[in-house]
Structure formats: structure tokens, C-alpha cells
C-alpha atoms as a PDB file:
ATOM      1  CA  MET A   1      15.207  15.087   2.262  1.00  0.00           C
ATOM      2  CA  ASN A   2      15.685  12.062  -0.245  1.00  0.00           C
ATOM      3  CA  ALA A   3      15.078   8.087  -0.082  1.00  0.00           C
ATOM      4  CA  HIS A   4      18.691   7.260   1.347  1.00  0.00           C
ATOM      5  CA  ASP A   5      18.651  10.173   3.801  1.00  0.00           C
ATOM      6  CA  PHE A   6      15.293   9.094   4.796  1.00  0.00           C
ATOM      7  CA  ILE A   7      16.248   5.714   5.205  1.00  0.00           C
ATOM      8  CA  ALA A   8      19.489   6.813   7.332  1.00  0.00           C
ATOM      9  CA  ALA A   9      17.542   9.193   9.584  1.00  0.00           C
ATOM     10  CA  HIS A  10      15.346   6.468  10.501  1.00  0.00           C
ATOM     11  CA  ARG A  11      18.042   3.842  11.201  1.00  0.00           C
ATOM     12  CA  GLN A  12      19.484   6.348  13.677  1.00  0.00           C
ATOM     13  CA  PRO A  13      18.008   6.306  17.460  1.00  0.00           C
ATOM     14  CA  ALA A  14      15.848   9.716  17.772  1.00  0.00           C
ATOM     15  CA  PRO A  15      13.496  10.641  19.892  1.00  0.00           C
ATOM     16  CA  GLU A  16       9.613   9.774  19.067  1.00  0.00           C
ATOM     17  CA  ALA A  17       8.740  13.319  17.828  1.00  0.00           C
ATOM     18  CA  THR A  18      12.081  13.177  14.927  1.00  0.00           C
ATOM     19  CA  LEU A  19      10.500   9.449  14.134  1.00  0.00           C
ATOM     20  CA  ALA A  20       6.768  10.802  13.857  1.00  0.00           C
ATOM     21  CA  GLN A  21       8.019  13.700  11.610  1.00  0.00           C
ATOM     22  CA  LEU A  22       9.922  11.108   9.321  1.00  0.00           C
ATOM     23  CA  THR A  23       6.920   8.893   9.440  1.00  0.00           C
ATOM     24  CA  ALA A  24       4.963  11.281   7.883  1.00  0.00           C
ATOM     25  CA  LEU A  25       6.804  11.764   4.901  1.00  0.00           C
ATOM     26  CA  ILE A  26       5.234   7.935   3.965  1.00  0.00           C
ATOM     27  CA  ALA A  27       2.142   8.011   5.234  1.00  0.00           C
ATOM     28  CA  PHE A  28      -0.640   7.751   3.127  1.00  0.00           C
ATOM     29  CA  GLU A  29      -2.019  10.967   2.423  1.00  0.00           C
ATOM     30  CA  LEU A  30      -5.198  11.420   0.411  1.00  0.00           C
ATOM     31  CA  SER A  31      -4.669  14.431  -2.581  1.00  0.00           C
ATOM     32  CA  LYS A  32      -7.044  16.509  -4.850  1.00  0.00           C
ATOM     33  CA  LEU A  33      -7.964  14.810  -7.776  1.00  0.00           C
ATOM     34  CA  GLU A  34      -5.436  14.754 -10.974  1.00  0.00           C
ATOM     35  CA  PHE A  35      -7.220  14.208 -14.353  1.00  0.00           C
ATOM     36  CA  GLY A  36     -10.128  12.928 -12.106  1.00  0.00           C
ATOM     37  CA  TYR A  37      -8.522  10.484  -9.954  1.00  0.00           C
ATOM     38  CA  PRO A  38      -7.447  10.721  -6.239  1.00  0.00           C
ATOM     39  CA  THR A  39      -3.871  10.106  -5.788  1.00  0.00           C
ATOM     40  CA  ASP A  40      -1.481   9.849  -2.702  1.00  0.00           C
ATOM     41  CA  ASN A  41       0.862  12.905  -1.677  1.00  0.00           C
ATOM     42  CA  ASN A  42       3.561  10.709  -0.646  1.00  0.00           C
ATOM     43  CA  LEU A  43       3.067   7.688  -3.228  1.00  0.00           C
ATOM     44  CA  GLU A  44       6.457   8.465  -5.184  1.00  0.00           C
ATOM     45  CA  PHE A  45       8.317   9.454  -1.516  1.00  0.00           C
ATOM     46  CA  ARG A  46       7.571   5.562  -0.627  1.00  0.00           C
ATOM     47  CA  ALA A  47       8.418   4.013  -3.672  1.00  0.00           C
ATOM     48  CA  ALA A  48      11.744   6.358  -3.840  1.00  0.00           C
ATOM     49  CA  VAL A  49      12.260   4.984  -0.259  1.00  0.00           C
ATOM     50  CA  VAL A  50      11.634   1.121  -1.127  1.00  0.00           C
ATOM     51  CA  ASP A  51      13.729   0.790  -3.978  1.00  0.00           C
ATOM     52  CA  ALA A  52      16.533   2.702  -2.326  1.00  0.00           C
ATOM     53  CA  LEU A  53      16.327  -0.312   0.578  1.00  0.00           C
ATOM     54  CA  LEU A  54      16.787  -2.652  -1.750  1.00  0.00           C
ATOM     55  CA  PRO A  55      20.615  -3.588  -1.912  1.00  0.00           C
ATOM     56  CA  ASP A  56      20.674  -3.729   1.658  1.00  0.00           C
ATOM     57  CA  PHE A  57      17.552  -4.099   4.054  1.00  0.00           C
ATOM     58  CA  SER A  58      18.236  -5.708   7.009  1.00  0.00           C
ATOM     59  CA  PHE A  59      16.182  -6.563  10.847  1.00  0.00           C
ATOM     60  CA  VAL A  60      17.506  -2.887  11.243  1.00  0.00           C
ATOM     61  CA  ASP A  61      14.669  -1.678   9.062  1.00  0.00           C
ATOM     62  CA  TYR A  62      12.013  -3.943  10.090  1.00  0.00           C
ATOM     63  CA  LYS A  63       9.629  -1.375  11.836  1.00  0.00           C
ATOM     64  CA  LEU A  64      10.555   1.108   8.806  1.00  0.00           C
ATOM     65  CA  ILE A  65       9.162  -1.634   6.555  1.00  0.00           C
ATOM     66  CA  ARG A  66       6.148  -2.057   8.194  1.00  0.00           C
ATOM     67  CA  ILE A  67       5.184   1.094   8.538  1.00  0.00           C
ATOM     68  CA  LEU A  68       5.660   1.704   4.854  1.00  0.00           C
ATOM     69  CA  PHE A  69       3.552  -1.527   4.161  1.00  0.00           C
ATOM     70  CA  ALA A  70       0.790  -0.243   6.459  1.00  0.00           C
ATOM     71  CA  GLU A  71       0.696   2.948   4.578  1.00  0.00           C
ATOM     72  CA  GLU A  72       0.762   0.820   1.261  1.00  0.00           C
ATOM     73  CA  MET A  73      -2.350  -0.682   2.168  1.00  0.00           C
ATOM     74  CA  LYS A  74      -4.349   2.104   2.989  1.00  0.00           C
ATOM     75  CA  CYS A  75      -3.002   3.564  -0.121  1.00  0.00           C
ATOM     76  CA  GLU A  76      -4.311   0.166  -2.034  1.00  0.00           C
ATOM     77  CA  THR A  77      -7.657   0.554   0.012  1.00  0.00           C
ATOM     78  CA  ALA A  78      -8.559   4.116  -0.510  1.00  0.00           C
ATOM     79  CA  ILE A  79      -7.179   4.517  -4.158  1.00  0.00           C
ATOM     80  CA  ARG A  80      -6.490   1.354  -5.378  1.00  0.00           C
ATOM     81  CA  ARG A  81      -2.599   2.027  -6.316  1.00  0.00           C
ATOM     82  CA  HIS A  82      -0.297  -0.214  -4.958  1.00  0.00           C
ATOM     83  CA  ASP A  83       2.797   0.394  -6.745  1.00  0.00           C
ATOM     84  CA  SER A  84       5.324  -0.851  -4.642  1.00  0.00           C
ATOM     85  CA  LEU A  85       3.268  -3.370  -2.286  1.00  0.00           C
ATOM     86  CA  TYR A  86       4.511  -5.996  -4.185  1.00  0.00           C
ATOM     87  CA  GLN A  87       8.222  -5.147  -3.231  1.00  0.00           C
ATOM     88  CA  PHE A  88       6.948  -4.222   0.436  1.00  0.00           C
ATOM     89  CA  CYS A  89       5.938  -8.205   0.759  1.00  0.00           C
ATOM     90  CA  PHE A  90       9.156  -9.072  -0.837  1.00  0.00           C
ATOM     91  CA  TYR A  91      11.152  -7.241   2.609  1.00  0.00           C
ATOM     92  CA  LEU A  92       8.535  -8.483   4.868  1.00  0.00           C
ATOM     93  CA  PHE A  93       8.983 -12.447   3.729  1.00  0.00           C
ATOM     94  CA  GLU A  94      12.765 -11.834   3.531  1.00  0.00           C
ATOM     95  CA  LEU A  95      12.890 -10.829   7.516  1.00  0.00           C
ATOM     96  CA  LYS A  96      11.021 -14.086   8.137  1.00  0.00           C
ATOM     97  CA  GLN A  97       8.763 -12.742  11.050  1.00  0.00           C
ATOM     98  CA  LEU A  98       5.786 -15.508  11.111  1.00  0.00           C
ATOM     99  CA  PRO A  99       3.541 -12.475  12.734  1.00  0.00           C
ATOM    100  CA  ASP A 100       3.672 -11.389   8.910  1.00  0.00           C
ATOM    101  CA  THR A 101       1.872 -14.167   7.610  1.00  0.00           C
ATOM    102  CA  PHE A 102      -1.033 -11.730   8.554  1.00  0.00           C
ATOM    103  CA  ARG A 103      -0.311  -8.867   7.185  1.00  0.00           C
ATOM    104  CA  LEU A 104       0.709 -10.705   3.357  1.00  0.00           C
ATOM    105  CA  TYR A 105      -2.288 -12.962   3.626  1.00  0.00           C
ATOM    106  CA  GLU A 106      -4.398  -9.272   3.738  1.00  0.00           C
ATOM    107  CA  ALA A 107      -1.989  -8.345   0.730  1.00  0.00           C
ATOM    108  CA  LYS A 108      -2.881 -11.080  -1.185  1.00  0.00           C
ATOM    109  CA  PHE A 109      -6.533 -12.359  -0.401  1.00  0.00           C
ATOM    110  CA  LYS A 110      -8.171  -8.780   1.119  1.00  0.00           C
ATOM    111  CA  ALA A 111      -6.876  -5.828  -1.166  1.00  0.00           C
ATOM    112  CA  THR A 112      -9.846  -4.238  -3.599  1.00  0.00           C
ATOM    113  CA  ASN A 113      -7.469  -4.462  -6.383  1.00  0.00           C
ATOM    114  CA  MET A 114      -7.481  -7.542  -7.519  1.00  0.00           C
ATOM    115  CA  ASP A 115      -4.132  -7.593  -9.679  1.00  0.00           C
ATOM    116  CA  VAL A 116      -2.579  -7.600  -6.215  1.00  0.00           C
ATOM    117  CA  GLY A 117      -3.676 -11.213  -5.341  1.00  0.00           C
ATOM    118  CA  CYS A 118      -2.856 -12.327  -8.540  1.00  0.00           C
ATOM    119  CA  LEU A 119       0.941 -10.973  -8.943  1.00  0.00           C
ATOM    120  CA  LEU A 120       1.429 -12.177  -5.146  1.00  0.00           C
ATOM    121  CA  ASP A 121       2.491 -15.899  -4.704  1.00  0.00           C
ATOM    122  CA  ARG A 122       0.842 -18.324  -1.955  1.00  0.00           C
ATOM    123  CA  GLU A 123       4.190 -18.929  -0.798  1.00  0.00           C
ATOM    124  CA  MET A 124       5.042 -15.672   0.044  1.00  0.00           C
ATOM    125  CA  ILE A 125       2.641 -15.599   3.082  1.00  0.00           C
ATOM    126  CA  THR A 126       5.364 -18.256   4.393  1.00  0.00           C
ATOM    127  CA  VAL A 127       7.399 -15.511   5.156  1.00  0.00           C
ATOM    128  CA  GLY A 128      10.269 -17.550   4.328  1.00  0.00           C
ATOM    129  CA  HIS A 129       9.558 -20.519   7.007  1.00  0.00           C
ATOM    130  CA  GLU A 130       8.355 -23.997   5.715  1.00  0.00           C
ATOM    131  CA  VAL A 131       4.657 -24.373   5.567  1.00  0.00           C
ATOM    132  CA  PRO A 132       3.921 -26.728   8.935  1.00  0.00           C
ATOM    133  CA  LYS A 133       5.513 -24.373  11.302  1.00  0.00           C
ATOM    134  CA  VAL A 134       3.545 -21.623   9.736  1.00  0.00           C
ATOM    135  CA  VAL A 135       0.319 -23.823  10.374  1.00  0.00           C
ATOM    136  CA  ALA A 136       1.360 -24.716  13.788  1.00  0.00           C
ATOM    137  CA  TYR A 137       1.891 -20.845  14.477  1.00  0.00           C
ATOM    138  CA  VAL A 138      -1.361 -19.714  13.176  1.00  0.00           C
ATOM    139  CA  GLN A 139      -3.244 -22.535  14.781  1.00  0.00           C
ATOM    140  CA  GLN A 140      -1.651 -21.456  18.253  1.00  0.00           C
ATOM    141  CA  VAL A 141      -2.436 -17.990  17.457  1.00  0.00           C
ATOM    142  CA  PHE A 142      -5.782 -18.614  16.724  1.00  0.00           C
ATOM    143  CA  THR A 143      -6.220 -20.844  20.060  1.00  0.00           C
ATOM    144  CA  ASP A 144      -5.076 -17.819  21.802  1.00  0.00           C
ATOM    145  CA  GLU A 145      -7.248 -15.106  20.032  1.00  0.00           C
ATOM    146  CA  PRO A 146     -10.000 -16.961  18.457  1.00  0.00           C
ATOM    147  CA  HIS A 147     -11.567 -13.827  17.003  1.00  0.00           C
ATOM    148  CA  LEU A 148      -8.774 -13.978  14.549  1.00  0.00           C
ATOM    149  CA  ARG A 149     -10.287 -17.015  12.524  1.00  0.00           C
ATOM    150  CA  LEU A 150     -13.190 -14.553  11.481  1.00  0.00           C
ATOM    151  CA  ARG A 151     -10.548 -11.853   9.955  1.00  0.00           C
ATOM    152  CA  TYR A 152      -8.357 -14.633   8.232  1.00  0.00           C
ATOM    153  CA  PRO A 153     -11.050 -17.234   7.518  1.00  0.00           C
ATOM    154  CA  THR A 154      -9.135 -19.279   4.704  1.00  0.00           C
ATOM    155  CA  LEU A 155      -5.577 -18.432   6.028  1.00  0.00           C
ATOM    156  CA  LEU A 156      -5.272 -21.973   6.841  1.00  0.00           C
ATOM    157  CA  GLU A 157      -7.009 -23.653   4.400  1.00  0.00           C
ATOM    158  CA  GLU A 158      -4.107 -21.531   1.905  1.00  0.00           C
ATOM    159  CA  LEU A 159      -1.364 -22.670   3.578  1.00  0.00           C
ATOM    160  CA  ARG A 160      -2.308 -26.709   3.665  1.00  0.00           C
ATOM    161  CA  GLY A 161      -3.512 -26.208   0.160  1.00  0.00           C
ATOM    162  CA  LEU A 162       0.473 -25.196  -0.680  1.00  0.00           C
ATOM    163  CA  VAL A 163       1.280 -28.445   0.666  1.00  0.00           C
ATOM    164  CA  GLU A 164      -1.368 -30.419  -1.555  1.00  0.00           C
ATOM    165  CA  TYR A 165      -0.889 -28.433  -4.593  1.00  0.00           C
ATOM    166  CA  PRO A 166       2.662 -26.583  -4.292  1.00  0.00           C
ATOM    167  CA  ASP A 167       3.275 -23.842  -6.898  1.00  0.00           C
ATOM    168  CA  TYR A 168       7.338 -24.754  -6.753  1.00  0.00           C
ATOM    169  CA  ASP A 169       9.283 -27.608  -5.843  1.00  0.00           C
ATOM    170  CA  SER A 170      10.712 -26.144  -2.490  1.00  0.00           C
ATOM    171  CA  LEU A 171      10.727 -22.852  -0.397  1.00  0.00           C
ATOM    172  CA  ALA A 172      14.509 -22.665  -1.616  1.00  0.00           C
ATOM    173  CA  GLN A 173      13.107 -22.569  -5.142  1.00  0.00           C
ATOM    174  CA  TYR A 174      10.340 -20.245  -4.399  1.00  0.00           C
ATOM    175  CA  ARG A 175      12.642 -17.932  -2.562  1.00  0.00           C
ATOM    176  CA  ALA A 176      15.514 -18.017  -5.451  1.00  0.00           C
ATOM    177  CA  SER A 177      12.643 -17.303  -8.052  1.00  0.00           C
ATOM    178  CA  ILE A 178      11.352 -14.030  -6.150  1.00  0.00           C
ATOM    179  CA  GLN A 179      15.025 -12.988  -5.357  1.00  0.00           C
ATOM    180  CA  ASP A 180      15.912 -13.184  -8.962  1.00  0.00           C
ATOM    181  CA  TYR A 181      12.862 -11.528  -9.841  1.00  0.00           C
ATOM    182  CA  PHE A 182      13.469  -8.189  -7.691  1.00  0.00           C
ATOM    183  CA  HIS A 183      17.762  -8.308  -7.841  1.00  0.00           C
ATOM    184  CA  GLY A 184      17.265  -9.651 -12.015  1.00  0.00           C
ATOM    185  CA  HIS A 185      20.279 -10.228 -14.070  1.00  0.00           C
ATOM    186  CA  GLU A 186      21.158  -7.799 -16.642  1.00  0.00           C
ATOM    187  CA  VAL A 187      24.057  -8.004 -18.866  1.00  0.00           C
ATOM    188  CA  ASP A 188      25.290  -4.430 -18.993  1.00  0.00           C
ATOM    189  CA  GLN A 189      25.345  -4.483 -14.879  1.00  0.00           C
ATOM    190  CA  ALA A 190      26.964  -7.321 -12.930  1.00  0.00           C
ATOM    191  CA  ILE A 191      26.129  -8.221  -9.611  1.00  0.00           C
ATOM    192  CA  SER A 192      28.167  -7.486  -6.850  1.00  0.00           C
ATOM    193  CA  PRO A 193      28.430  -6.665  -2.968  1.00  0.00           C
ATOM    194  CA  ALA A 194      27.307  -3.471  -1.911  1.00  0.00           C
ATOM    195  CA  THR A 195      28.127  -0.781   0.309  1.00  0.00           C
ATOM    196  CA  PRO A 196      25.653  -0.131   2.739  1.00  0.00           C
ATOM    197  CA  LEU A 197      24.175   2.731   3.438  1.00  0.00           C
ATOM    198  CA  ALA A 198      24.470   2.925   6.884  1.00  0.00           C
ATOM    199  CA  PRO A 199      25.919   0.194   9.548  1.00  0.00           C
ATOM    200  CA  ALA A 200      22.771  -2.184   8.749  1.00  0.00           C
ATOM    201  CA  VAL A 201      24.624  -5.992   7.094  1.00  0.00           C
ATOM    202  CA  GLY A 202      21.993  -5.831   4.199  1.00  0.00           C
ATOM    203  CA  LEU A 203      20.452  -9.184   3.244  1.00  0.00           C
ATOM    204  CA  SER A 204      20.788  -8.663  -0.627  1.00  0.00           C
ATOM    205  CA  GLY A 205      24.446  -7.911  -1.028  1.00  0.00           C
ATOM    206  CA  TYR A 206      23.392  -6.375  -4.476  1.00  0.00           C
ATOM    207  CA  GLU A 207      24.954  -3.312  -6.114  1.00  0.00           C
ATOM    208  CA  PRO A 208      21.555  -0.537  -6.327  1.00  0.00           C
ATOM    209  CA  ARG A 209      20.361   0.353  -9.933  1.00  0.00           C
ATOM    210  CA  PRO A 210      19.070   4.015 -10.727  1.00  0.00           C
ATOM    211  CA  LYS A 211      15.369   1.962 -11.733  1.00  0.00           C
ATOM    212  CA  PRO A 212      14.718  -2.008 -10.870  1.00  0.00           C
ATOM    213  CA  TRP A 213      14.293  -3.515 -14.154  1.00  0.00           C
ATOM    214  CA  TRP A 214      10.664  -4.824 -14.174  1.00  0.00           C
ATOM    215  CA  LYS A 215       9.794  -1.141 -13.567  1.00  0.00           C
ATOM    216  CA  PHE A 216       8.877   0.439 -16.554  1.00  0.00           C
ATOM    217  CA  TRP A 217       6.727   3.493 -15.870  1.00  0.00           C
END
């Protein structure tokens, strides 16, 4: 099964047993050492799936993207590999679900490899909403579940810092910047509406490329 077939299968209603079999293909799976370093058997396939999602991912893929994100975080925690974590964060940002504020905070501030935190902008943890709305949401969650304050001790501080010391002039400017980063502009390939992989209506509307422009490996 290739990445496009995997996405198409995941978008179709399926028994739980089938979904479990599909999920096993992208799960973090520690393998034997290669050149003295531990590896993840499914790292490359997760990377292929995340790239295949880029042209037309939408809310129909939300469950899949959250699973992918969770498995990539397990991989980052266990062996410090996070090849697609930034891209998963971008997808969650674009889908704008407020509970993912906590997931993106963990990706930026709790990853074992400092490169992850440096790469992720603070704006990513807003999941595409204006900061006051995110602050109000987080405050309500902390009121309802006080123990989460200990798990996310500086989340509110970081969000308020965005208001006082913003990195971009506006959320719209940041979103334009991050979309340009992932979709890019190449002289030899024009951007045009894409044909969806499946019935999902994509958020991006860009033609897929064999390899994203920022990936050099």
C-alpha cells in the first residue's frame, strides 16, 4: 500500500479492526540499531503520508493527522527523530481546533531535541485563532481541569507574550508566511487547483510535488 492508497482507505468508513490495521502502518515502531543508532520502522511511511496529504487535507483527515502527530511525537521522544513533526503542526494549525493548542505547545516546548522548539513559531500554538480567544479557552480548561496547569505551566505566559511581543504584524501575516513555506513558489512549477485524492475538499488547493521544496534529503 502506498501513501495515497493509505489516505484514501482512511477516508472511507471502515470497521475498527481495519482502522487498527491501518494505524499500525504509521505507528512508531522502534527497530534494531542502524549504524549505531535506533530507528523507527515506520518513519519513512509517515513522511510519505504527510507529504501526500499536503495538496488537499481537510477536516475529514483530522483524526488521521492527530494519530500521525502523536506517533511522530513518540518517535521524537524516544529517538529524537522528528522528520515530519513541523508539517503535522502546520496541518493542525490550519484545521483550527482549539484543543490542539496543548499539542502544539508540547511539540514546541517539550520535545527532547531543541531544534524542534527553535523551528516552531510561537504563533503555531494559536491554532489559527486570535490570541485572546485562545487565552480564554485555555483559562476555561484550566478552571475545569486544574491539574493541567502543571502539565502546561507556561502556556498562558507564552500566549500573552505574543500580544506584548508579536513576531508578526498579524495572524494573517503569519498564516501567509507558513503557507508559503509549505507550498512554496517554484519557477518551473505553477501553482494551480489540485484534484483531490478522495471526496474531501482540501484546504490548500495546490498541485502536489514529488518532494516538498524545503526537503533536501
